[in-house]
């Protein structure tokens, strides 16, 4: 598939700072792997939102969007599972 460019929305940095320290490296590694495989087998497409997926890392979820034309992945949120779906759509 080739290498995809990864972009972060402004709120993601704040969300990463709020995470438990032991999960941060695991989450960042998973995001880095998305550049080579934008839709891994454990990613689930979100209904009602175009080309948007969720990737589960323990109790946290990475919400991201894939643009295959421009080969870009935009990370929208990294939040705890009980908070991540509020306000999507």
PDB file of N, CA and C in Angstrom:
ATOM      1  N   UNK A   1       0.813  -1.205   0.000  1.00  0.00           N
ATOM      2  CA  UNK A   1       0.000   0.000   0.000  1.00  0.00           C
ATOM      3  C   UNK A   1       0.848   1.257   0.000  1.00  0.00           C
ATOM      4  N   UNK A   2       2.050   1.168   0.429  1.00  0.00           N
ATOM      5  CA  UNK A   2       2.890   2.344   0.482  1.00  0.00           C
ATOM      6  C   UNK A   2       2.813   3.022   1.818  1.00  0.00           C
ATOM      7  N   UNK A   3       3.597   4.053   1.960  1.00  0.00           N
ATOM      8  CA  UNK A   3       3.673   4.754   3.243  1.00  0.00           C
ATOM      9  C   UNK A   3       2.686   5.922   3.289  1.00  0.00           C
ATOM     10  N   UNK A   4       1.923   5.990   4.371  1.00  0.00           N
ATOM     11  CA  UNK A   4       0.964   7.061   4.578  1.00  0.00           C
ATOM     12  C   UNK A   4       1.557   8.097   5.522  1.00  0.00           C
ATOM     13  N   UNK A   5       1.187   9.343   5.310  1.00  0.00           N
ATOM     14  CA  UNK A   5       1.595  10.435   6.189  1.00  0.00           C
ATOM     15  C   UNK A   5       0.599  10.503   7.345  1.00  0.00           C
ATOM     16  N   UNK A   6       1.088  10.705   8.564  1.00  0.00           N
ATOM     17  CA  UNK A   6       0.211  10.773   9.730  1.00  0.00           C
ATOM     18  C   UNK A   6       0.145  12.206  10.238  1.00  0.00           C
ATOM     19  N   UNK A   7      -1.085  12.701  10.409  1.00  0.00           N
ATOM     20  CA  UNK A   7      -1.321  14.045  10.950  1.00  0.00           C
ATOM     21  C   UNK A   7      -2.146  13.921  12.221  1.00  0.00           C
ATOM     22  N   UNK A   8      -1.925  14.847  13.132  1.00  0.00           N
ATOM     23  CA  UNK A   8      -2.656  14.863  14.397  1.00  0.00           C
ATOM     24  C   UNK A   8      -3.501  16.118  14.501  1.00  0.00           C
ATOM     25  N   UNK A   9      -4.745  15.965  14.955  1.00  0.00           N
ATOM     26  CA  UNK A   9      -5.566  17.124  15.284  1.00  0.00           C
ATOM     27  C   UNK A   9      -4.986  17.752  16.550  1.00  0.00           C
ATOM     28  N   UNK A  10      -5.257  19.031  16.782  1.00  0.00           N
ATOM     29  CA  UNK A  10      -4.680  19.751  17.902  1.00  0.00           C
ATOM     30  C   UNK A  10      -4.980  19.176  19.272  1.00  0.00           C
ATOM     31  N   UNK A  11      -6.132  18.561  19.445  1.00  0.00           N
ATOM     32  CA  UNK A  11      -6.550  18.052  20.746  1.00  0.00           C
ATOM     33  C   UNK A  11      -5.813  16.768  21.130  1.00  0.00           C
ATOM     34  N   UNK A  12      -5.217  16.074  20.175  1.00  0.00           N
ATOM     35  CA  UNK A  12      -4.590  14.779  20.435  1.00  0.00           C
ATOM     36  C   UNK A  12      -3.417  14.901  21.401  1.00  0.00           C
ATOM     37  N   UNK A  13      -2.618  15.943  21.271  1.00  0.00           N
ATOM     38  CA  UNK A  13      -1.474  16.120  22.173  1.00  0.00           C
ATOM     39  C   UNK A  13      -1.934  16.212  23.629  1.00  0.00           C
ATOM     40  N   UNK A  14      -2.993  16.944  23.871  1.00  0.00           N
ATOM     41  CA  UNK A  14      -3.554  17.076  25.210  1.00  0.00           C
ATOM     42  C   UNK A  14      -4.076  15.731  25.719  1.00  0.00           C
ATOM     43  N   UNK A  15      -4.717  14.976  24.829  1.00  0.00           N
ATOM     44  CA  UNK A  15      -5.253  13.672  25.211  1.00  0.00           C
ATOM     45  C   UNK A  15      -4.136  12.689  25.560  1.00  0.00           C
ATOM     46  N   UNK A  16      -3.026  12.756  24.838  1.00  0.00           N
ATOM     47  CA  UNK A  16      -1.883  11.885  25.143  1.00  0.00           C
ATOM     48  C   UNK A  16      -1.307  12.225  26.513  1.00  0.00           C
ATOM     49  N   UNK A  17      -1.233  13.497  26.842  1.00  0.00           N
ATOM     50  CA  UNK A  17      -0.696  13.896  28.158  1.00  0.00           C
ATOM     51  C   UNK A  17      -1.552  13.395  29.308  1.00  0.00           C
ATOM     52  N   UNK A  18      -2.838  13.182  29.072  1.00  0.00           N
ATOM     53  CA  UNK A  18      -3.751  12.715  30.118  1.00  0.00           C
ATOM     54  C   UNK A  18      -3.711  11.197  30.311  1.00  0.00           C
ATOM     55  N   UNK A  19      -3.091  10.489  29.399  1.00  0.00           N
ATOM     56  CA  UNK A  19      -3.059   9.026  29.449  1.00  0.00           C
ATOM     57  C   UNK A  19      -2.072   8.528  30.502  1.00  0.00           C
ATOM     58  N   UNK A  20      -2.285   7.298  30.989  1.00  0.00           N
ATOM     59  CA  UNK A  20      -1.287   6.688  31.874  1.00  0.00           C
ATOM     60  C   UNK A  20       0.038   6.525  31.129  1.00  0.00           C
ATOM     61  N   UNK A  21       1.131   6.824  31.793  1.00  0.00           N
ATOM     62  CA  UNK A  21       2.449   6.805  31.146  1.00  0.00           C
ATOM     63  C   UNK A  21       2.801   5.449  30.532  1.00  0.00           C
ATOM     64  N   UNK A  22       2.376   4.365  31.173  1.00  0.00           N
ATOM     65  CA  UNK A  22       2.740   3.037  30.672  1.00  0.00           C
ATOM     66  C   UNK A  22       2.072   2.699  29.335  1.00  0.00           C
ATOM     67  N   UNK A  23       1.031   3.416  28.951  1.00  0.00           N
ATOM     68  CA  UNK A  23       0.342   3.163  27.680  1.00  0.00           C
ATOM     69  C   UNK A  23       0.824   4.045  26.537  1.00  0.00           C
ATOM     70  N   UNK A  24       1.460   5.148  26.845  1.00  0.00           N
ATOM     71  CA  UNK A  24       1.818   6.133  25.816  1.00  0.00           C
ATOM     72  C   UNK A  24       2.703   5.532  24.726  1.00  0.00           C
ATOM     73  N   UNK A  25       3.742   4.797  25.104  1.00  0.00           N
ATOM     74  CA  UNK A  25       4.636   4.240  24.075  1.00  0.00           C
ATOM     75  C   UNK A  25       3.913   3.208  23.218  1.00  0.00           C
ATOM     76  N   UNK A  26       3.029   2.415  23.822  1.00  0.00           N
ATOM     77  CA  UNK A  26       2.255   1.427  23.078  1.00  0.00           C
ATOM     78  C   UNK A  26       1.339   2.110  22.059  1.00  0.00           C
ATOM     79  N   UNK A  27       0.683   3.188  22.474  1.00  0.00           N
ATOM     80  CA  UNK A  27      -0.205   3.940  21.580  1.00  0.00           C
ATOM     81  C   UNK A  27       0.589   4.571  20.438  1.00  0.00           C
ATOM     82  N   UNK A  28       1.720   5.185  20.746  1.00  0.00           N
ATOM     83  CA  UNK A  28       2.529   5.821  19.705  1.00  0.00           C
ATOM     84  C   UNK A  28       3.089   4.795  18.725  1.00  0.00           C
ATOM     85  N   UNK A  29       3.463   3.612  19.218  1.00  0.00           N
ATOM     86  CA  UNK A  29       3.920   2.544  18.319  1.00  0.00           C
ATOM     87  C   UNK A  29       2.807   2.105  17.376  1.00  0.00           C
ATOM     88  N   UNK A  30       1.594   1.981  17.910  1.00  0.00           N
ATOM     89  CA  UNK A  30       0.450   1.584  17.084  1.00  0.00           C
ATOM     90  C   UNK A  30       0.155   2.620  16.009  1.00  0.00           C
ATOM     91  N   UNK A  31       0.266   3.892  16.368  1.00  0.00           N
ATOM     92  CA  UNK A  31       0.043   4.965  15.395  1.00  0.00           C
ATOM     93  C   UNK A  31       1.111   4.917  14.303  1.00  0.00           C
ATOM     94  N   UNK A  32       2.350   4.677  14.695  1.00  0.00           N
ATOM     95  CA  UNK A  32       3.437   4.602  13.721  1.00  0.00           C
ATOM     96  C   UNK A  32       3.218   3.450  12.732  1.00  0.00           C
ATOM     97  N   UNK A  33       2.705   2.325  13.221  1.00  0.00           N
ATOM     98  CA  UNK A  33       2.436   1.177  12.353  1.00  0.00           C
ATOM     99  C   UNK A  33       1.328   1.472  11.344  1.00  0.00           C
ATOM    100  N   UNK A  34       0.440   2.412  11.675  1.00  0.00           N
ATOM    101  CA  UNK A  34      -0.636   2.780  10.742  1.00  0.00           C
ATOM    102  C   UNK A  34      -0.093   3.352   9.443  1.00  0.00           C
ATOM    103  N   UNK A  35       1.098   3.955   9.476  1.00  0.00           N
ATOM    104  CA  UNK A  35       1.653   4.539   8.252  1.00  0.00           C
ATOM    105  C   UNK A  35       1.940   3.468   7.198  1.00  0.00           C
ATOM    106  N   UNK A  36       2.235   2.243   7.617  1.00  0.00           N
ATOM    107  CA  UNK A  36       2.469   1.159   6.676  1.00  0.00           C
ATOM    108  C   UNK A  36       1.213   0.339   6.387  1.00  0.00           C
ATOM    109  N   UNK A  37       0.361   0.199   7.391  1.00  0.00           N
ATOM    110  CA  UNK A  37      -0.889  -0.555   7.229  1.00  0.00           C
ATOM    111  C   UNK A  37      -2.019   0.274   7.839  1.00  0.00           C
ATOM    112  N   UNK A  38      -2.659   1.141   7.043  1.00  0.00           N
ATOM    113  CA  UNK A  38      -3.645   2.084   7.572  1.00  0.00           C
ATOM    114  C   UNK A  38      -4.903   1.445   8.156  1.00  0.00           C
ATOM    115  N   UNK A  39      -5.245   0.251   7.712  1.00  0.00           N
ATOM    116  CA  UNK A  39      -6.433  -0.424   8.242  1.00  0.00           C
ATOM    117  C   UNK A  39      -6.026  -1.849   8.648  1.00  0.00           C
ATOM    118  N   UNK A  40      -5.379  -1.994   9.816  1.00  0.00           N
ATOM    119  CA  UNK A  40      -4.999  -3.338  10.255  1.00  0.00           C
ATOM    120  C   UNK A  40      -6.236  -4.180  10.553  1.00  0.00           C
ATOM    121  N   UNK A  41      -6.065  -5.481  10.679  1.00  0.00           N
ATOM    122  CA  UNK A  41      -7.216  -6.372  10.857  1.00  0.00           C
ATOM    123  C   UNK A  41      -7.994  -6.088  12.130  1.00  0.00           C
ATOM    124  N   UNK A  42      -7.372  -5.518  13.171  1.00  0.00           N
ATOM    125  CA  UNK A  42      -8.093  -5.217  14.412  1.00  0.00           C
ATOM    126  C   UNK A  42      -8.809  -3.867  14.387  1.00  0.00           C
ATOM    127  N   UNK A  43      -8.626  -3.075  13.340  1.00  0.00           N
ATOM    128  CA  UNK A  43      -9.325  -1.793  13.211  1.00  0.00           C
ATOM    129  C   UNK A  43     -10.771  -2.042  12.792  1.00  0.00           C
ATOM    130  N   UNK A  44     -11.659  -1.243  13.331  1.00  0.00           N
ATOM    131  CA  UNK A  44     -13.086  -1.371  13.018  1.00  0.00           C
ATOM    132  C   UNK A  44     -13.583  -0.063  12.425  1.00  0.00           C
ATOM    133  N   UNK A  45     -14.290  -0.176  11.304  1.00  0.00           N
ATOM    134  CA  UNK A  45     -14.873   1.007  10.652  1.00  0.00           C
ATOM    135  C   UNK A  45     -16.029   1.522  11.492  1.00  0.00           C
ATOM    136  N   UNK A  46     -16.071   2.832  11.709  1.00  0.00           N
ATOM    137  CA  UNK A  46     -17.167   3.444  12.455  1.00  0.00           C
ATOM    138  C   UNK A  46     -18.320   3.720  11.507  1.00  0.00           C
ATOM    139  N   UNK A  47     -19.507   3.391  11.951  1.00  0.00           N
ATOM    140  CA  UNK A  47     -20.694   3.598  11.123  1.00  0.00           C
ATOM    141  C   UNK A  47     -21.124   5.060  11.168  1.00  0.00           C
ATOM    142  N   UNK A  48     -21.573   5.574  10.057  1.00  0.00           N
ATOM    143  CA  UNK A  48     -22.093   6.927   9.990  1.00  0.00           C
ATOM    144  C   UNK A  48     -21.043   7.996   9.778  1.00  0.00           C
ATOM    145  N   UNK A  49     -19.769   7.605   9.710  1.00  0.00           N
ATOM    146  CA  UNK A  49     -18.688   8.567   9.499  1.00  0.00           C
ATOM    147  C   UNK A  49     -17.795   8.007   8.390  1.00  0.00           C
ATOM    148  N   UNK A  50     -17.577   8.784   7.342  1.00  0.00           N
ATOM    149  CA  UNK A  50     -16.846   8.294   6.169  1.00  0.00           C
ATOM    150  C   UNK A  50     -15.375   8.017   6.461  1.00  0.00           C
ATOM    151  N   UNK A  51     -14.903   6.836   6.058  1.00  0.00           N
ATOM    152  CA  UNK A  51     -13.488   6.433   6.131  1.00  0.00           C
ATOM    153  C   UNK A  51     -12.876   6.642   7.509  1.00  0.00           C
ATOM    154  N   UNK A  52     -13.651   6.457   8.561  1.00  0.00           N
ATOM    155  CA  UNK A  52     -13.169   6.651   9.926  1.00  0.00           C
ATOM    156  C   UNK A  52     -13.150   5.304  10.636  1.00  0.00           C
ATOM    157  N   UNK A  53     -12.049   5.069  11.339  1.00  0.00           N
ATOM    158  CA  UNK A  53     -11.824   3.788  11.991  1.00  0.00           C
ATOM    159  C   UNK A  53     -11.489   3.988  13.457  1.00  0.00           C
ATOM    160  N   UNK A  54     -11.619   2.874  14.197  1.00  0.00           N
ATOM    161  CA  UNK A  54     -11.236   2.876  15.594  1.00  0.00           C
ATOM    162  C   UNK A  54     -10.258   1.734  15.814  1.00  0.00           C
ATOM    163  N   UNK A  55      -9.212   2.022  16.570  1.00  0.00           N
ATOM    164  CA  UNK A  55      -8.209   1.027  16.914  1.00  0.00           C
ATOM    165  C   UNK A  55      -8.148   0.935  18.427  1.00  0.00           C
ATOM    166  N   UNK A  56      -8.253  -0.266  18.953  1.00  0.00           N
ATOM    167  CA  UNK A  56      -8.303  -0.476  20.396  1.00  0.00           C
ATOM    168  C   UNK A  56      -6.914  -0.759  20.940  1.00  0.00           C
ATOM    169  N   UNK A  57      -6.525  -0.010  21.983  1.00  0.00           N
ATOM    170  CA  UNK A  57      -5.280  -0.229  22.700  1.00  0.00           C
ATOM    171  C   UNK A  57      -5.648  -0.295  24.188  1.00  0.00           C
ATOM    172  N   UNK A  58      -5.868  -1.475  24.692  1.00  0.00           N
ATOM    173  CA  UNK A  58      -6.322  -1.633  26.081  1.00  0.00           C
ATOM    174  C   UNK A  58      -7.672  -0.966  26.261  1.00  0.00           C
ATOM    175  N   UNK A  59      -7.780  -0.092  27.256  1.00  0.00           N
ATOM    176  CA  UNK A  59      -9.022   0.641  27.504  1.00  0.00           C
ATOM    177  C   UNK A  59      -9.112   1.932  26.697  1.00  0.00           C
ATOM    178  N   UNK A  60      -8.132   2.193  25.855  1.00  0.00           N
ATOM    179  CA  UNK A  60      -8.117   3.422  25.058  1.00  0.00           C
ATOM    180  C   UNK A  60      -8.424   3.109  23.601  1.00  0.00           C
ATOM    181  N   UNK A  61      -8.968   4.109  22.925  1.00  0.00           N
ATOM    182  CA  UNK A  61      -9.325   3.972  21.516  1.00  0.00           C
ATOM    183  C   UNK A  61      -8.681   5.103  20.721  1.00  0.00           C
ATOM    184  N   UNK A  62      -8.149   4.758  19.561  1.00  0.00           N
ATOM    185  CA  UNK A  62      -7.613   5.739  18.621  1.00  0.00           C
ATOM    186  C   UNK A  62      -8.656   5.875  17.516  1.00  0.00           C
ATOM    187  N   UNK A  63      -9.167   7.076  17.327  1.00  0.00           N
ATOM    188  CA  UNK A  63     -10.127   7.350  16.266  1.00  0.00           C
ATOM    189  C   UNK A  63      -9.371   8.083  15.164  1.00  0.00           C
ATOM    190  N   UNK A  64      -9.390   7.507  13.968  1.00  0.00           N
ATOM    191  CA  UNK A  64      -8.631   8.106  12.871  1.00  0.00           C
ATOM    192  C   UNK A  64      -9.372   7.965  11.551  1.00  0.00           C
ATOM    193  N   UNK A  65      -8.954   8.806  10.618  1.00  0.00           N
ATOM    194  CA  UNK A  65      -9.574   8.839   9.298  1.00  0.00           C
ATOM    195  C   UNK A  65      -8.491   8.596   8.245  1.00  0.00           C
ATOM    196  N   UNK A  66      -8.825   7.811   7.236  1.00  0.00           N
ATOM    197  CA  UNK A  66      -7.875   7.467   6.180  1.00  0.00           C
ATOM    198  C   UNK A  66      -8.315   8.124   4.879  1.00  0.00           C
ATOM    199  N   UNK A  67      -7.395   8.871   4.272  1.00  0.00           N
ATOM    200  CA  UNK A  67      -7.638   9.450   2.945  1.00  0.00           C
ATOM    201  C   UNK A  67      -6.676   8.759   1.981  1.00  0.00           C
ATOM    202  N   UNK A  68      -7.191   7.818   1.219  1.00  0.00           N
ATOM    203  CA  UNK A  68      -6.343   7.012   0.344  1.00  0.00           C
ATOM    204  C   UNK A  68      -5.813   7.803  -0.850  1.00  0.00           C
ATOM    205  N   UNK A  69      -6.552   8.823  -1.288  1.00  0.00           N
ATOM    206  CA  UNK A  69      -6.092   9.640  -2.423  1.00  0.00           C
ATOM    207  C   UNK A  69      -4.813  10.392  -2.072  1.00  0.00           C
ATOM    208  N   UNK A  70      -4.832  11.100  -0.932  1.00  0.00           N
ATOM    209  CA  UNK A  70      -3.666  11.894  -0.544  1.00  0.00           C
ATOM    210  C   UNK A  70      -2.700  11.113   0.344  1.00  0.00           C
ATOM    211  N   UNK A  71      -3.011   9.817   0.596  1.00  0.00           N
ATOM    212  CA  UNK A  71      -2.183   8.945   1.433  1.00  0.00           C
ATOM    213  C   UNK A  71      -1.906   9.592   2.789  1.00  0.00           C
ATOM    214  N   UNK A  72      -2.994  10.001   3.447  1.00  0.00           N
ATOM    215  CA  UNK A  72      -2.901  10.673   4.739  1.00  0.00           C
ATOM    216  C   UNK A  72      -3.806   9.994   5.754  1.00  0.00           C
ATOM    217  N   UNK A  73      -3.293   9.882   6.972  1.00  0.00           N
ATOM    218  CA  UNK A  73      -4.074   9.399   8.105  1.00  0.00           C
ATOM    219  C   UNK A  73      -4.156  10.549   9.100  1.00  0.00           C
ATOM    220  N   UNK A  74      -5.389  10.902   9.481  1.00  0.00           N
ATOM    221  CA  UNK A  74      -5.583  11.978  10.451  1.00  0.00           C
ATOM    222  C   UNK A  74      -6.078  11.355  11.758  1.00  0.00           C
ATOM    223  N   UNK A  75      -5.299  11.540  12.820  1.00  0.00           N
ATOM    224  CA  UNK A  75      -5.676  11.033  14.138  1.00  0.00           C
ATOM    225  C   UNK A  75      -6.559  12.105  14.785  1.00  0.00           C
ATOM    226  N   UNK A  76      -7.809  11.752  15.074  1.00  0.00           N
ATOM    227  CA  UNK A  76      -8.756  12.706  15.639  1.00  0.00           C
ATOM    228  C   UNK A  76      -8.786  12.684  17.164  1.00  0.00           C
ATOM    229  N   UNK A  77      -8.780  11.477  17.748  1.00  0.00           N
ATOM    230  CA  UNK A  77      -8.872  11.357  19.202  1.00  0.00           C
ATOM    231  C   UNK A  77      -8.131  10.129  19.690  1.00  0.00           C
ATOM    232  N   UNK A  78      -7.601  10.240  20.909  1.00  0.00           N
ATOM    233  CA  UNK A  78      -7.089   9.092  21.654  1.00  0.00           C
ATOM    234  C   UNK A  78      -7.663   9.261  23.050  1.00  0.00           C
ATOM    235  N   UNK A  79      -8.710   8.504  23.338  1.00  0.00           N
ATOM    236  CA  UNK A  79      -9.426   8.671  24.605  1.00  0.00           C
ATOM    237  C   UNK A  79      -9.761   7.325  25.226  1.00  0.00           C
ATOM    238  N   UNK A  80     -10.139   7.391  26.491  1.00  0.00           N
ATOM    239  CA  UNK A  80     -10.622   6.206  27.194  1.00  0.00           C
ATOM    240  C   UNK A  80     -11.918   5.752  26.534  1.00  0.00           C
ATOM    241  N   UNK A  81     -12.187   4.462  26.592  1.00  0.00           N
ATOM    242  CA  UNK A  81     -13.338   3.886  25.880  1.00  0.00           C
ATOM    243  C   UNK A  81     -14.676   4.459  26.312  1.00  0.00           C
ATOM    244  N   UNK A  82     -14.799   4.908  27.553  1.00  0.00           N
ATOM    245  CA  UNK A  82     -16.095   5.441  28.001  1.00  0.00           C
ATOM    246  C   UNK A  82     -16.332   6.865  27.516  1.00  0.00           C
ATOM    247  N   UNK A  83     -15.293   7.530  27.005  1.00  0.00           N
ATOM    248  CA  UNK A  83     -15.424   8.925  26.573  1.00  0.00           C
ATOM    249  C   UNK A  83     -15.286   9.122  25.057  1.00  0.00           C
ATOM    250  N   UNK A  84     -14.740   8.172  24.364  1.00  0.00           N
ATOM    251  CA  UNK A  84     -14.292   8.397  22.992  1.00  0.00           C
ATOM    252  C   UNK A  84     -15.421   8.643  21.993  1.00  0.00           C
ATOM    253  N   UNK A  85     -16.565   8.038  22.178  1.00  0.00           N
ATOM    254  CA  UNK A  85     -17.617   8.151  21.159  1.00  0.00           C
ATOM    255  C   UNK A  85     -18.530   9.354  21.359  1.00  0.00           C
ATOM    256  N   UNK A  86     -18.367  10.079  22.433  1.00  0.00           N
ATOM    257  CA  UNK A  86     -19.181  11.276  22.655  1.00  0.00           C
ATOM    258  C   UNK A  86     -18.784  12.370  21.675  1.00  0.00           C
ATOM    259  N   UNK A  87     -19.734  12.885  20.965  1.00  0.00           N
ATOM    260  CA  UNK A  87     -19.467  14.003  20.063  1.00  0.00           C
ATOM    261  C   UNK A  87     -18.936  13.623  18.698  1.00  0.00           C
ATOM    262  N   UNK A  88     -18.834  12.334  18.388  1.00  0.00           N
ATOM    263  CA  UNK A  88     -18.415  11.953  17.040  1.00  0.00           C
ATOM    264  C   UNK A  88     -19.593  12.130  16.091  1.00  0.00           C
ATOM    265  N   UNK A  89     -19.347  12.237  14.842  1.00  0.00           N
ATOM    266  CA  UNK A  89     -20.319  12.309  13.744  1.00  0.00           C
ATOM    267  C   UNK A  89     -20.365  13.666  13.128  1.00  0.00           C
TER     268      UNK A  89
END
